[in-house]
Amino acid sequence: MNNKLNIKTDDTVVVISGNDKGKRGKVIAASPAEGKVIVEGVHIVHKHTKPRRQGDTGGIIDTEGAIYASKVQIYCPKCQRGVRIKHKFTEGKDGKKVKVRVCAKCGEEL
């Protein structure tokens, strides 16, 4: 499996398939080794916890589960939808070339 993801932590993404299709959220964590991401408010799962110390209470906690990165697209605020990205080189502050991600549709820097 390819261990490269086009999606990084703190990106805003849109789910393009599955039960949560159309939901938008911020990426909490990305795992390139598994090819998965955890998105805020998407794919809520029930987690059963045991009390670990005396006085703690166990129970069922709702938390976000991991989904495949291929099921999400980066959200473009200008296009207002999920889009593919492409890379472009621009001048940085110190005069060096910097690689940036841009929307493939409108060219907006992401």
PDB file of N, CA and C in Angstrom:
ATOM      1  N   MET A   1       0.846  -1.185   0.000  1.00  0.00           N
ATOM      2  CA  MET A   1       0.000   0.000   0.000  1.00  0.00           C
ATOM      3  C   MET A   1       0.885   1.239   0.000  1.00  0.00           C
ATOM      4  N   ASN A   2       0.429   2.265  -0.703  1.00  0.00           N
ATOM      5  CA  ASN A   2       1.153   3.526  -0.744  1.00  0.00           C
ATOM      6  C   ASN A   2       1.005   4.243   0.596  1.00  0.00           C
ATOM      7  N   ASN A   3       2.101   4.635   1.214  1.00  0.00           N
ATOM      8  CA  ASN A   3       2.054   5.251   2.534  1.00  0.00           C
ATOM      9  C   ASN A   3       1.991   6.767   2.475  1.00  0.00           C
ATOM     10  N   LYS A   4       1.541   7.341   1.361  1.00  0.00           N
ATOM     11  CA  LYS A   4       1.454   8.789   1.233  1.00  0.00           C
ATOM     12  C   LYS A   4      -0.009   9.202   1.244  1.00  0.00           C
ATOM     13  N   LEU A   5      -0.320  10.192   2.083  1.00  0.00           N
ATOM     14  CA  LEU A   5      -1.675  10.736   2.127  1.00  0.00           C
ATOM     15  C   LEU A   5      -1.648  12.177   1.650  1.00  0.00           C
ATOM     16  N   ASN A   6      -2.674  12.584   0.927  1.00  0.00           N
ATOM     17  CA  ASN A   6      -2.806  13.981   0.526  1.00  0.00           C
ATOM     18  C   ASN A   6      -3.529  14.791   1.588  1.00  0.00           C
ATOM     19  N   ILE A   7      -3.965  14.121   2.643  1.00  0.00           N
ATOM     20  CA  ILE A   7      -4.720  14.763   3.708  1.00  0.00           C
ATOM     21  C   ILE A   7      -3.860  14.814   4.955  1.00  0.00           C
ATOM     22  N   LYS A   8      -3.830  15.974   5.589  1.00  0.00           N
ATOM     23  CA  LYS A   8      -2.999  16.168   6.770  1.00  0.00           C
ATOM     24  C   LYS A   8      -3.866  16.577   7.953  1.00  0.00           C
ATOM     25  N   THR A   9      -3.304  16.517   9.150  1.00  0.00           N
ATOM     26  CA  THR A   9      -4.006  16.933  10.353  1.00  0.00           C
ATOM     27  C   THR A   9      -4.382  18.405  10.245  1.00  0.00           C
ATOM     28  N   ASP A  10      -5.557  18.766  10.737  1.00  0.00           N
ATOM     29  CA  ASP A  10      -6.138  20.118  10.732  1.00  0.00           C
ATOM     30  C   ASP A  10      -6.707  20.547   9.381  1.00  0.00           C
ATOM     31  N   ASP A  11      -6.735  19.662   8.373  1.00  0.00           N
ATOM     32  CA  ASP A  11      -7.416  19.968   7.116  1.00  0.00           C
ATOM     33  C   ASP A  11      -8.912  19.850   7.331  1.00  0.00           C
ATOM     34  N   THR A  12      -9.698  20.638   6.610  1.00  0.00           N
ATOM     35  CA  THR A  12     -11.146  20.475   6.607  1.00  0.00           C
ATOM     36  C   THR A  12     -11.490  19.595   5.417  1.00  0.00           C
ATOM     37  N   VAL A  13     -12.238  18.530   5.673  1.00  0.00           N
ATOM     38  CA  VAL A  13     -12.547  17.562   4.625  1.00  0.00           C
ATOM     39  C   VAL A  13     -14.050  17.297   4.549  1.00  0.00           C
ATOM     40  N   VAL A  14     -14.476  16.730   3.408  1.00  0.00           N
ATOM     41  CA  VAL A  14     -15.856  16.326   3.185  1.00  0.00           C
ATOM     42  C   VAL A  14     -15.865  14.833   2.904  1.00  0.00           C
ATOM     43  N   VAL A  15     -16.785  14.111   3.528  1.00  0.00           N
ATOM     44  CA  VAL A  15     -16.913  12.673   3.298  1.00  0.00           C
ATOM     45  C   VAL A  15     -17.668  12.475   1.987  1.00  0.00           C
ATOM     46  N   ILE A  16     -17.103  11.662   1.070  1.00  0.00           N
ATOM     47  CA  ILE A  16     -17.705  11.501  -0.256  1.00  0.00           C
ATOM     48  C   ILE A  16     -18.447  10.180  -0.436  1.00  0.00           C
ATOM     49  N   SER A  17     -18.319   9.238   0.514  1.00  0.00           N
ATOM     50  CA  SER A  17     -19.071   7.986   0.399  1.00  0.00           C
ATOM     51  C   SER A  17     -19.291   7.382   1.777  1.00  0.00           C
ATOM     52  N   GLY A  18     -20.275   6.515   1.857  1.00  0.00           N
ATOM     53  CA  GLY A  18     -20.580   5.839   3.116  1.00  0.00           C
ATOM     54  C   GLY A  18     -21.784   6.441   3.811  1.00  0.00           C
ATOM     55  N   ASN A  19     -22.025   6.011   5.040  1.00  0.00           N
ATOM     56  CA  ASN A  19     -23.180   6.471   5.811  1.00  0.00           C
ATOM     57  C   ASN A  19     -23.098   7.946   6.168  1.00  0.00           C
ATOM     58  N   ASP A  20     -21.895   8.483   6.284  1.00  0.00           N
ATOM     59  CA  ASP A  20     -21.706   9.884   6.666  1.00  0.00           C
ATOM     60  C   ASP A  20     -21.462  10.781   5.455  1.00  0.00           C
ATOM     61  N   LYS A  21     -21.898  10.363   4.285  1.00  0.00           N
ATOM     62  CA  LYS A  21     -21.670  11.118   3.048  1.00  0.00           C
ATOM     63  C   LYS A  21     -22.204  12.546   3.169  1.00  0.00           C
ATOM     64  N   GLY A  22     -21.382  13.514   2.781  1.00  0.00           N
ATOM     65  CA  GLY A  22     -21.780  14.918   2.819  1.00  0.00           C
ATOM     66  C   GLY A  22     -21.372  15.643   4.087  1.00  0.00           C
ATOM     67  N   LYS A  23     -20.983  14.914   5.134  1.00  0.00           N
ATOM     68  CA  LYS A  23     -20.569  15.563   6.383  1.00  0.00           C
ATOM     69  C   LYS A  23     -19.201  16.201   6.217  1.00  0.00           C
ATOM     70  N   ARG A  24     -19.029  17.325   6.883  1.00  0.00           N
ATOM     71  CA  ARG A  24     -17.771  18.059   6.814  1.00  0.00           C
ATOM     72  C   ARG A  24     -17.182  18.145   8.212  1.00  0.00           C
ATOM     73  N   GLY A  25     -15.865  18.029   8.313  1.00  0.00           N
ATOM     74  CA  GLY A  25     -15.214  18.107   9.614  1.00  0.00           C
ATOM     75  C   GLY A  25     -13.721  18.302   9.479  1.00  0.00           C
ATOM     76  N   LYS A  26     -13.094  18.523  10.627  1.00  0.00           N
ATOM     77  CA  LYS A  26     -11.649  18.763  10.690  1.00  0.00           C
ATOM     78  C   LYS A  26     -10.942  17.443  10.986  1.00  0.00           C
ATOM     79  N   VAL A  27      -9.806  17.216  10.343  1.00  0.00           N
ATOM     80  CA  VAL A  27      -9.048  15.987  10.556  1.00  0.00           C
ATOM     81  C   VAL A  27      -8.332  16.087  11.905  1.00  0.00           C
ATOM     82  N   ILE A  28      -8.617  15.141  12.794  1.00  0.00           N
ATOM     83  CA  ILE A  28      -7.992  15.097  14.123  1.00  0.00           C
ATOM     84  C   ILE A  28      -6.645  14.397  14.043  1.00  0.00           C
ATOM     85  N   ALA A  29      -6.606  13.276  13.302  1.00  0.00           N
ATOM     86  CA  ALA A  29      -5.375  12.495  13.186  1.00  0.00           C
ATOM     87  C   ALA A  29      -5.336  11.807  11.829  1.00  0.00           C
ATOM     88  N   ALA A  30      -4.122  11.639  11.308  1.00  0.00           N
ATOM     89  CA  ALA A  30      -3.932  10.933  10.043  1.00  0.00           C
ATOM     90  C   ALA A  30      -2.922   9.817  10.257  1.00  0.00           C
ATOM     91  N   SER A  31      -3.207   8.647   9.695  1.00  0.00           N
ATOM     92  CA  SER A  31      -2.317   7.505   9.815  1.00  0.00           C
ATOM     93  C   SER A  31      -1.918   7.022   8.425  1.00  0.00           C
ATOM     94  N   PRO A  32      -0.788   7.495   7.892  1.00  0.00           N
ATOM     95  CA  PRO A  32      -0.371   7.093   6.547  1.00  0.00           C
ATOM     96  C   PRO A  32      -0.090   5.588   6.424  1.00  0.00           C
ATOM     97  N   ALA A  33       0.373   4.956   7.479  1.00  0.00           N
ATOM     98  CA  ALA A  33       0.674   3.524   7.434  1.00  0.00           C
ATOM     99  C   ALA A  33      -0.583   2.705   7.156  1.00  0.00           C
ATOM    100  N   GLU A  34      -1.712   3.099   7.751  1.00  0.00           N
ATOM    101  CA  GLU A  34      -2.978   2.395   7.550  1.00  0.00           C
ATOM    102  C   GLU A  34      -3.790   2.991   6.403  1.00  0.00           C
ATOM    103  N   GLY A  35      -3.460   4.217   6.002  1.00  0.00           N
ATOM    104  CA  GLY A  35      -4.232   4.900   4.965  1.00  0.00           C
ATOM    105  C   GLY A  35      -5.559   5.407   5.493  1.00  0.00           C
ATOM    106  N   LYS A  36      -5.602   5.740   6.788  1.00  0.00           N
ATOM    107  CA  LYS A  36      -6.847   6.164   7.426  1.00  0.00           C
ATOM    108  C   LYS A  36      -6.697   7.526   8.086  1.00  0.00           C
ATOM    109  N   VAL A  37      -7.839   8.183   8.299  1.00  0.00           N
ATOM    110  CA  VAL A  37      -7.888   9.458   9.007  1.00  0.00           C
ATOM    111  C   VAL A  37      -9.026   9.417  10.019  1.00  0.00           C
ATOM    112  N   ILE A  38      -8.928  10.247  11.054  1.00  0.00           N
ATOM    113  CA  ILE A  38     -10.008  10.410  12.021  1.00  0.00           C
ATOM    114  C   ILE A  38     -10.532  11.829  11.857  1.00  0.00           C
ATOM    115  N   VAL A  39     -11.827  11.946  11.556  1.00  0.00           N
ATOM    116  CA  VAL A  39     -12.451  13.231  11.281  1.00  0.00           C
ATOM    117  C   VAL A  39     -13.432  13.567  12.392  1.00  0.00           C
ATOM    118  N   GLU A  40     -13.398  14.810  12.837  1.00  0.00           N
ATOM    119  CA  GLU A  40     -14.242  15.299  13.921  1.00  0.00           C
ATOM    120  C   GLU A  40     -15.723  15.191  13.540  1.00  0.00           C
ATOM    121  N   GLY A  41     -16.513  14.470  14.341  1.00  0.00           N
ATOM    122  CA  GLY A  41     -17.954  14.359  14.136  1.00  0.00           C
ATOM    123  C   GLY A  41     -18.387  13.369  13.076  1.00  0.00           C
ATOM    124  N   VAL A  42     -17.462  12.563  12.562  1.00  0.00           N
ATOM    125  CA  VAL A  42     -17.770  11.600  11.510  1.00  0.00           C
ATOM    126  C   VAL A  42     -17.432  10.195  11.998  1.00  0.00           C
ATOM    127  N   HIS A  43     -18.251   9.207  11.612  1.00  0.00           N
ATOM    128  CA  HIS A  43     -18.077   7.794  11.977  1.00  0.00           C
ATOM    129  C   HIS A  43     -17.979   7.629  13.501  1.00  0.00           C
ATOM    130  N   ILE A  44     -19.054   7.989  14.186  1.00  0.00           N
ATOM    131  CA  ILE A  44     -19.118   7.881  15.649  1.00  0.00           C
ATOM    132  C   ILE A  44     -19.316   6.414  16.024  1.00  0.00           C
ATOM    133  N   VAL A  45     -18.446   5.916  16.904  1.00  0.00           N
ATOM    134  CA  VAL A  45     -18.512   4.532  17.366  1.00  0.00           C
ATOM    135  C   VAL A  45     -18.675   4.506  18.877  1.00  0.00           C
ATOM    136  N   HIS A  46     -19.217   3.396  19.394  1.00  0.00           N
ATOM    137  CA  HIS A  46     -19.383   3.207  20.840  1.00  0.00           C
ATOM    138  C   HIS A  46     -18.164   2.471  21.370  1.00  0.00           C
ATOM    139  N   LYS A  47     -17.542   3.035  22.380  1.00  0.00           N
ATOM    140  CA  LYS A  47     -16.356   2.432  22.969  1.00  0.00           C
ATOM    141  C   LYS A  47     -16.692   2.034  24.409  1.00  0.00           C
ATOM    142  N   HIS A  48     -16.503   0.756  24.731  1.00  0.00           N
ATOM    143  CA  HIS A  48     -16.801   0.264  26.069  1.00  0.00           C
ATOM    144  C   HIS A  48     -15.546   0.390  26.923  1.00  0.00           C
ATOM    145  N   THR A  49     -15.663   1.084  28.054  1.00  0.00           N
ATOM    146  CA  THR A  49     -14.497   1.294  28.921  1.00  0.00           C
ATOM    147  C   THR A  49     -14.723   0.669  30.284  1.00  0.00           C
ATOM    148  N   LYS A  50     -13.626   0.177  30.842  1.00  0.00           N
ATOM    149  CA  LYS A  50     -13.642  -0.392  32.182  1.00  0.00           C
ATOM    150  C   LYS A  50     -13.112   0.657  33.153  1.00  0.00           C
ATOM    151  N   PRO A  51     -13.612   0.643  34.390  1.00  0.00           N
ATOM    152  CA  PRO A  51     -13.006   1.538  35.378  1.00  0.00           C
ATOM    153  C   PRO A  51     -11.589   1.065  35.701  1.00  0.00           C
ATOM    154  N   ARG A  52     -10.613   1.936  35.616  1.00  0.00           N
ATOM    155  CA  ARG A  52      -9.213   1.556  35.825  1.00  0.00           C
ATOM    156  C   ARG A  52      -8.755   1.780  37.267  1.00  0.00           C
ATOM    157  N   ARG A  53      -9.249   2.838  37.893  1.00  0.00           N
ATOM    158  CA  ARG A  53      -8.880   3.115  39.284  1.00  0.00           C
ATOM    159  C   ARG A  53     -10.126   3.081  40.158  1.00  0.00           C
ATOM    160  N   GLN A  54      -9.910   2.949  41.448  1.00  0.00           N
ATOM    161  CA  GLN A  54     -11.048   2.939  42.363  1.00  0.00           C
ATOM    162  C   GLN A  54     -11.715   4.307  42.334  1.00  0.00           C
ATOM    163  N   GLY A  55     -13.012   4.317  42.174  1.00  0.00           N
ATOM    164  CA  GLY A  55     -13.747   5.578  42.094  1.00  0.00           C
ATOM    165  C   GLY A  55     -14.103   5.954  40.658  1.00  0.00           C
ATOM    166  N   ASP A  56     -13.386   5.392  39.683  1.00  0.00           N
ATOM    167  CA  ASP A  56     -13.705   5.654  38.273  1.00  0.00           C
ATOM    168  C   ASP A  56     -14.972   4.893  37.901  1.00  0.00           C
ATOM    169  N   THR A  57     -15.689   5.429  36.929  1.00  0.00           N
ATOM    170  CA  THR A  57     -16.862   4.727  36.436  1.00  0.00           C
ATOM    171  C   THR A  57     -16.593   4.239  35.023  1.00  0.00           C
ATOM    172  N   GLY A  58     -17.044   3.051  34.737  1.00  0.00           N
ATOM    173  CA  GLY A  58     -16.945   2.508  33.391  1.00  0.00           C
ATOM    174  C   GLY A  58     -18.183   2.908  32.612  1.00  0.00           C
ATOM    175  N   GLY A  59     -18.234   2.550  31.374  1.00  0.00           N
ATOM    176  CA  GLY A  59     -19.429   2.863  30.599  1.00  0.00           C
ATOM    177  C   GLY A  59     -19.158   2.845  29.112  1.00  0.00           C
ATOM    178  N   ILE A  60     -20.101   3.384  28.379  1.00  0.00           N
ATOM    179  CA  ILE A  60     -20.006   3.432  26.930  1.00  0.00           C
ATOM    180  C   ILE A  60     -19.755   4.879  26.521  1.00  0.00           C
ATOM    181  N   ILE A  61     -18.693   5.095  25.759  1.00  0.00           N
ATOM    182  CA  ILE A  61     -18.306   6.428  25.319  1.00  0.00           C
ATOM    183  C   ILE A  61     -18.464   6.497  23.801  1.00  0.00           C
ATOM    184  N   ASP A  62     -19.050   7.584  23.312  1.00  0.00           N
ATOM    185  CA  ASP A  62     -19.135   7.806  21.870  1.00  0.00           C
ATOM    186  C   ASP A  62     -17.899   8.575  21.427  1.00  0.00           C
ATOM    187  N   THR A  63     -17.180   8.030  20.429  1.00  0.00           N
ATOM    188  CA  THR A  63     -15.966   8.669  19.938  1.00  0.00           C
ATOM    189  C   THR A  63     -15.854   8.480  18.423  1.00  0.00           C
ATOM    190  N   GLU A  64     -14.990   9.253  17.795  1.00  0.00           N
ATOM    191  CA  GLU A  64     -14.807   9.147  16.349  1.00  0.00           C
ATOM    192  C   GLU A  64     -13.951   7.936  16.010  1.00  0.00           C
ATOM    193  N   GLY A  65     -14.331   7.217  14.979  1.00  0.00           N
ATOM    194  CA  GLY A  65     -13.554   6.086  14.501  1.00  0.00           C
ATOM    195  C   GLY A  65     -12.799   6.475  13.242  1.00  0.00           C
ATOM    196  N   ALA A  66     -11.821   5.661  12.880  1.00  0.00           N
ATOM    197  CA  ALA A  66     -11.010   5.936  11.695  1.00  0.00           C
ATOM    198  C   ALA A  66     -11.770   5.535  10.430  1.00  0.00           C
ATOM    199  N   ILE A  67     -11.580   6.318   9.363  1.00  0.00           N
ATOM    200  CA  ILE A  67     -12.143   5.984   8.052  1.00  0.00           C
ATOM    201  C   ILE A  67     -11.021   6.064   7.017  1.00  0.00           C
ATOM    202  N   TYR A  68     -11.202   5.375   5.911  1.00  0.00           N
ATOM    203  CA  TYR A  68     -10.187   5.399   4.869  1.00  0.00           C
ATOM    204  C   TYR A  68     -10.064   6.788   4.265  1.00  0.00           C
ATOM    205  N   ALA A  69      -8.836   7.194   3.990  1.00  0.00           N
ATOM    206  CA  ALA A  69      -8.565   8.518   3.440  1.00  0.00           C
ATOM    207  C   ALA A  69      -9.140   8.673   2.038  1.00  0.00           C
ATOM    208  N   SER A  70      -9.350   7.563   1.343  1.00  0.00           N
ATOM    209  CA  SER A  70      -9.918   7.631  -0.006  1.00  0.00           C
ATOM    210  C   SER A  70     -11.399   8.008   0.019  1.00  0.00           C
ATOM    211  N   LYS A  71     -12.026   7.961   1.187  1.00  0.00           N
ATOM    212  CA  LYS A  71     -13.443   8.303   1.310  1.00  0.00           C
ATOM    213  C   LYS A  71     -13.671   9.773   1.637  1.00  0.00           C
ATOM    214  N   VAL A  72     -12.602  10.567   1.726  1.00  0.00           N
ATOM    215  CA  VAL A  72     -12.744  11.999   2.012  1.00  0.00           C
ATOM    216  C   VAL A  72     -11.997  12.827   0.966  1.00  0.00           C
ATOM    217  N   GLN A  73     -12.475  14.054   0.772  1.00  0.00           N
ATOM    218  CA  GLN A  73     -11.804  15.018  -0.097  1.00  0.00           C
ATOM    219  C   GLN A  73     -11.611  16.306   0.678  1.00  0.00           C
ATOM    220  N   ILE A  74     -10.558  17.029   0.345  1.00  0.00           N
ATOM    221  CA  ILE A  74     -10.299  18.312   0.998  1.00  0.00           C
ATOM    222  C   ILE A  74     -11.373  19.309   0.566  1.00  0.00           C
ATOM    223  N   TYR A  75     -11.852  20.115   1.528  1.00  0.00           N
ATOM    224  CA  TYR A  75     -12.910  21.089   1.291  1.00  0.00           C
ATOM    225  C   TYR A  75     -12.294  22.404   0.828  1.00  0.00           C
ATOM    226  N   CYS A  76     -12.789  22.927  -0.296  1.00  0.00           N
ATOM    227  CA  CYS A  76     -12.343  24.225  -0.811  1.00  0.00           C
ATOM    228  C   CYS A  76     -13.380  25.270  -0.417  1.00  0.00           C
ATOM    229  N   PRO A  77     -12.991  26.304   0.364  1.00  0.00           N
ATOM    230  CA  PRO A  77     -13.968  27.313   0.786  1.00  0.00           C
ATOM    231  C   PRO A  77     -14.495  28.163  -0.373  1.00  0.00           C
ATOM    232  N   LYS A  78     -13.706  28.321  -1.428  1.00  0.00           N
ATOM    233  CA  LYS A  78     -14.142  29.114  -2.578  1.00  0.00           C
ATOM    234  C   LYS A  78     -15.169  28.351  -3.418  1.00  0.00           C
ATOM    235  N   CYS A  79     -14.885  27.073  -3.703  1.00  0.00           N
ATOM    236  CA  CYS A  79     -15.812  26.222  -4.474  1.00  0.00           C
ATOM    237  C   CYS A  79     -16.967  25.733  -3.608  1.00  0.00           C
ATOM    238  N   GLN A  80     -16.776  25.718  -2.297  1.00  0.00           N
ATOM    239  CA  GLN A  80     -17.728  25.227  -1.300  1.00  0.00           C
ATOM    240  C   GLN A  80     -18.113  23.770  -1.535  1.00  0.00           C
ATOM    241  N   ARG A  81     -17.094  22.939  -1.823  1.00  0.00           N
ATOM    242  CA  ARG A  81     -17.318  21.503  -1.973  1.00  0.00           C
ATOM    243  C   ARG A  81     -15.985  20.780  -1.872  1.00  0.00           C
ATOM    244  N   GLY A  82     -16.021  19.444  -1.848  1.00  0.00           N
ATOM    245  CA  GLY A  82     -14.813  18.649  -1.807  1.00  0.00           C
ATOM    246  C   GLY A  82     -14.134  18.668  -3.169  1.00  0.00           C
ATOM    247  N   VAL A  83     -12.814  18.849  -3.178  1.00  0.00           N
ATOM    248  CA  VAL A  83     -12.079  18.941  -4.440  1.00  0.00           C
ATOM    249  C   VAL A  83     -10.792  18.138  -4.378  1.00  0.00           C
ATOM    250  N   ARG A  84     -10.264  17.814  -5.567  1.00  0.00           N
ATOM    251  CA  ARG A  84      -8.935  17.230  -5.652  1.00  0.00           C
ATOM    252  C   ARG A  84      -7.936  18.372  -5.501  1.00  0.00           C
ATOM    253  N   ILE A  85      -6.701  18.010  -5.156  1.00  0.00           N
ATOM    254  CA  ILE A  85      -5.683  19.039  -5.007  1.00  0.00           C
ATOM    255  C   ILE A  85      -4.553  18.800  -5.986  1.00  0.00           C
ATOM    256  N   LYS A  86      -3.835  19.869  -6.276  1.00  0.00           N
ATOM    257  CA  LYS A  86      -2.594  19.741  -7.029  1.00  0.00           C
ATOM    258  C   LYS A  86      -1.562  20.624  -6.349  1.00  0.00           C
ATOM    259  N   HIS A  87      -0.311  20.425  -6.699  1.00  0.00           N
ATOM    260  CA  HIS A  87       0.781  21.142  -6.056  1.00  0.00           C
ATOM    261  C   HIS A  87       1.332  22.203  -6.985  1.00  0.00           C
ATOM    262  N   LYS A  88       1.751  23.323  -6.379  1.00  0.00           N
ATOM    263  CA  LYS A  88       2.306  24.433  -7.135  1.00  0.00           C
ATOM    264  C   LYS A  88       3.478  25.006  -6.350  1.00  0.00           C
ATOM    265  N   PHE A  89       4.495  25.466  -7.037  1.00  0.00           N
ATOM    266  CA  PHE A  89       5.641  26.088  -6.377  1.00  0.00           C
ATOM    267  C   PHE A  89       5.476  27.600  -6.396  1.00  0.00           C
ATOM    268  N   THR A  90       5.668  28.246  -5.220  1.00  0.00           N
ATOM    269  CA  THR A  90       5.596  29.700  -5.111  1.00  0.00           C
ATOM    270  C   THR A  90       6.823  30.211  -4.378  1.00  0.00           C
ATOM    271  N   GLU A  91       7.028  31.510  -4.432  1.00  0.00           N
ATOM    272  CA  GLU A  91       8.138  32.147  -3.718  1.00  0.00           C
ATOM    273  C   GLU A  91       7.800  32.232  -2.233  1.00  0.00           C
ATOM    274  N   GLY A  92       8.741  31.829  -1.392  1.00  0.00           N
ATOM    275  CA  GLY A  92       8.562  31.927   0.045  1.00  0.00           C
ATOM    276  C   GLY A  92       9.033  33.281   0.552  1.00  0.00           C
ATOM    277  N   LYS A  93       9.011  33.479   1.861  1.00  0.00           N
ATOM    278  CA  LYS A  93       9.427  34.736   2.479  1.00  0.00           C
ATOM    279  C   LYS A  93      10.912  35.000   2.284  1.00  0.00           C
ATOM    280  N   ASP A  94      11.705  33.932   2.301  1.00  0.00           N
ATOM    281  CA  ASP A  94      13.156  34.085   2.176  1.00  0.00           C
ATOM    282  C   ASP A  94      13.639  33.936   0.727  1.00  0.00           C
ATOM    283  N   GLY A  95      12.729  33.945  -0.237  1.00  0.00           N
ATOM    284  CA  GLY A  95      13.103  33.862  -1.642  1.00  0.00           C
ATOM    285  C   GLY A  95      13.231  32.454  -2.192  1.00  0.00           C
ATOM    286  N   LYS A  96      13.049  31.447  -1.346  1.00  0.00           N
ATOM    287  CA  LYS A  96      13.138  30.053  -1.786  1.00  0.00           C
ATOM    288  C   LYS A  96      11.794  29.596  -2.345  1.00  0.00           C
ATOM    289  N   LYS A  97      11.844  28.560  -3.185  1.00  0.00           N
ATOM    290  CA  LYS A  97      10.616  27.978  -3.710  1.00  0.00           C
ATOM    291  C   LYS A  97       9.941  27.155  -2.618  1.00  0.00           C
ATOM    292  N   VAL A  98       8.632  27.311  -2.506  1.00  0.00           N
ATOM    293  CA  VAL A  98       7.850  26.585  -1.511  1.00  0.00           C
ATOM    294  C   VAL A  98       6.737  25.851  -2.241  1.00  0.00           C
ATOM    295  N   LYS A  99       6.561  24.574  -1.907  1.00  0.00           N
ATOM    296  CA  LYS A  99       5.509  23.758  -2.510  1.00  0.00           C
ATOM    297  C   LYS A  99       4.219  23.973  -1.718  1.00  0.00           C
ATOM    298  N   VAL A 100       3.139  24.380  -2.398  1.00  0.00           N
ATOM    299  CA  VAL A 100       1.851  24.595  -1.732  1.00  0.00           C
ATOM    300  C   VAL A 100       0.782  23.753  -2.415  1.00  0.00           C
ATOM    301  N   ARG A 101      -0.282  23.467  -1.662  1.00  0.00           N
ATOM    302  CA  ARG A 101      -1.409  22.715  -2.211  1.00  0.00           C
ATOM    303  C   ARG A 101      -2.470  23.701  -2.687  1.00  0.00           C
ATOM    304  N   VAL A 102      -3.009  23.476  -3.878  1.00  0.00           N
ATOM    305  CA  VAL A 102      -4.038  24.339  -4.435  1.00  0.00           C
ATOM    306  C   VAL A 102      -5.209  23.492  -4.925  1.00  0.00           C
ATOM    307  N   CYS A 103      -6.375  24.127  -5.003  1.00  0.00           N
ATOM    308  CA  CYS A 103      -7.570  23.469  -5.512  1.00  0.00           C
ATOM    309  C   CYS A 103      -7.396  23.221  -7.008  1.00  0.00           C
ATOM    310  N   ALA A 104      -7.721  22.013  -7.452  1.00  0.00           N
ATOM    311  CA  ALA A 104      -7.578  21.665  -8.864  1.00  0.00           C
ATOM    312  C   ALA A 104      -8.617  22.372  -9.724  1.00  0.00           C
ATOM    313  N   LYS A 105      -9.735  22.803  -9.128  1.00  0.00           N
ATOM    314  CA  LYS A 105     -10.803  23.466  -9.873  1.00  0.00           C
ATOM    315  C   LYS A 105     -10.546  24.955 -10.053  1.00  0.00           C
ATOM    316  N   CYS A 106     -10.368  25.669  -8.926  1.00  0.00           N
ATOM    317  CA  CYS A 106     -10.309  27.135  -8.987  1.00  0.00           C
ATOM    318  C   CYS A 106      -8.926  27.716  -8.751  1.00  0.00           C
ATOM    319  N   GLY A 107      -7.976  26.923  -8.262  1.00  0.00           N
ATOM    320  CA  GLY A 107      -6.624  27.416  -8.029  1.00  0.00           C
ATOM    321  C   GLY A 107      -6.427  28.086  -6.672  1.00  0.00           C
ATOM    322  N   GLU A 108      -7.424  28.030  -5.805  1.00  0.00           N
ATOM    323  CA  GLU A 108      -7.342  28.606  -4.472  1.00  0.00           C
ATOM    324  C   GLU A 108      -6.313  27.846  -3.635  1.00  0.00           C
ATOM    325  N   GLU A 109      -5.467  28.570  -2.910  1.00  0.00           N
ATOM    326  CA  GLU A 109      -4.457  27.926  -2.063  1.00  0.00           C
ATOM    327  C   GLU A 109      -5.144  27.345  -0.830  1.00  0.00           C
ATOM    328  N   LEU A 110      -4.814  26.094  -0.527  1.00  0.00           N
ATOM    329  CA  LEU A 110      -5.455  25.411   0.608  1.00  0.00           C
ATOM    330  C   LEU A 110      -4.543  25.348   1.787  1.00  0.00           C
TER     331      LEU A 110
END
